[in-house]
Structure formats: structure tokens, C-alpha cells
Amino acid sequence: MKQAEIRNLSAEDIQAKLTEARAEFSKMKMAHKISPLENPIQIRDLRKTIARLNTELTNKQ
């Protein structure tokens, strides 16, 4: 998710996306521990998306 897309969301939408992204992140990390993912860079990208969401949520509050 791009920063420009995140800026257009409301605080409630950002919070919903954040919980969804965190759930996906933990699911992806667990799957990677069991057997390596085909594209482990997805974990890094998702972690950065979570950070972007957190930053924008803090700015909106």
C-alpha cells in the first residue's frame, strides 16, 4: 500500500487495515518458519506497510 493511498483513508479505515496487516504478518512469519516462502521479501514489505499505517494513524490523532 502506497503512502498516498494511506493518507486518503480515515482513522477508522487505517485502524482496520492495521489489524488486518498485523494478522497477515504473523500468519506469514509462521508460514515462513515452517517452510520457506517463495518470496520472503513480502514479509519486509508488509512490515513496512504496517509502519506506514502506524505513522499515518499517529498523525491523524
Protein backbone atom coordinates (compact mmCIF):
# COMPACT_ATOMS: atom_id res chain seq x y z
CA MET A 1 0.00 0.00 0.00
CA LYS A 2 1.39 3.36 -1.03
CA GLN A 3 1.69 6.34 1.31
CA ALA A 4 -0.66 8.42 -0.87
CA GLU A 5 -3.34 5.74 -0.59
CA ILE A 6 -2.94 5.62 3.19
CA ARG A 7 -3.29 9.40 3.53
CA ASN A 8 -6.72 9.28 1.89
CA LEU A 9 -8.10 6.81 4.46
CA SER A 10 -9.94 7.79 7.61
CA ALA A 11 -8.59 6.89 11.04
CA GLU A 12 -11.10 4.02 11.38
CA ASP A 13 -10.11 2.63 7.98
CA ILE A 14 -6.43 2.85 8.89
CA GLN A 15 -7.10 1.00 12.15
CA ALA A 16 -8.97 -1.74 10.26
CA LYS A 17 -6.18 -2.08 7.69
CA LEU A 18 -3.63 -2.16 10.51
CA THR A 19 -5.28 -5.08 12.31
CA GLU A 20 -5.65 -6.91 9.00
CA ALA A 21 -1.98 -6.32 8.12
CA ARG A 22 -0.78 -7.45 11.55
CA ALA A 23 -2.77 -10.67 11.28
CA GLU A 24 -1.38 -11.31 7.82
CA PHE A 25 2.15 -10.54 9.05
CA SER A 26 2.01 -13.05 11.88
CA LYS A 27 0.48 -15.66 9.57
CA MET A 28 3.21 -15.06 7.00
CA LYS A 29 6.00 -15.23 9.62
CA MET A 30 4.66 -18.53 10.94
CA ALA A 31 4.41 -19.98 7.44
CA HIS A 32 7.98 -18.86 6.74
CA LYS A 33 9.25 -20.59 9.89
CA ILE A 34 7.58 -23.85 8.93
CA SER A 35 8.73 -23.85 5.33
CA PRO A 36 10.47 -21.01 3.49
CA LEU A 37 8.23 -18.71 1.50
CA GLU A 38 8.69 -18.46 -2.23
CA ASN A 39 9.17 -14.69 -1.90
CA PRO A 40 10.38 -13.74 1.61
CA ILE A 41 10.62 -10.07 0.61
CA GLN A 42 6.83 -9.97 1.10
CA ILE A 43 7.48 -10.10 4.86
CA ARG A 44 9.66 -7.00 4.68
CA ASP A 45 7.13 -5.16 2.52
CA LEU A 46 4.31 -6.00 4.90
CA ARG A 47 6.36 -4.84 7.88
CA LYS A 48 6.98 -1.51 6.14
CA THR A 49 3.28 -1.17 5.32
CA ILE A 50 2.45 -1.69 9.00
CA ALA A 51 4.93 1.05 9.90
CA ARG A 52 3.36 3.41 7.34
CA LEU A 53 -0.11 2.71 8.74
CA ASN A 54 1.08 3.33 12.30
CA THR A 55 2.75 6.59 11.30
CA GLU A 56 -0.31 7.91 9.49
CA LEU A 57 -2.60 6.85 12.35
CA THR A 58 -0.41 8.78 14.79
CA ASN A 59 -0.50 11.84 12.53
CA LYS A 60 -4.30 11.76 12.30
CA GLN A 61 -4.76 11.59 16.07
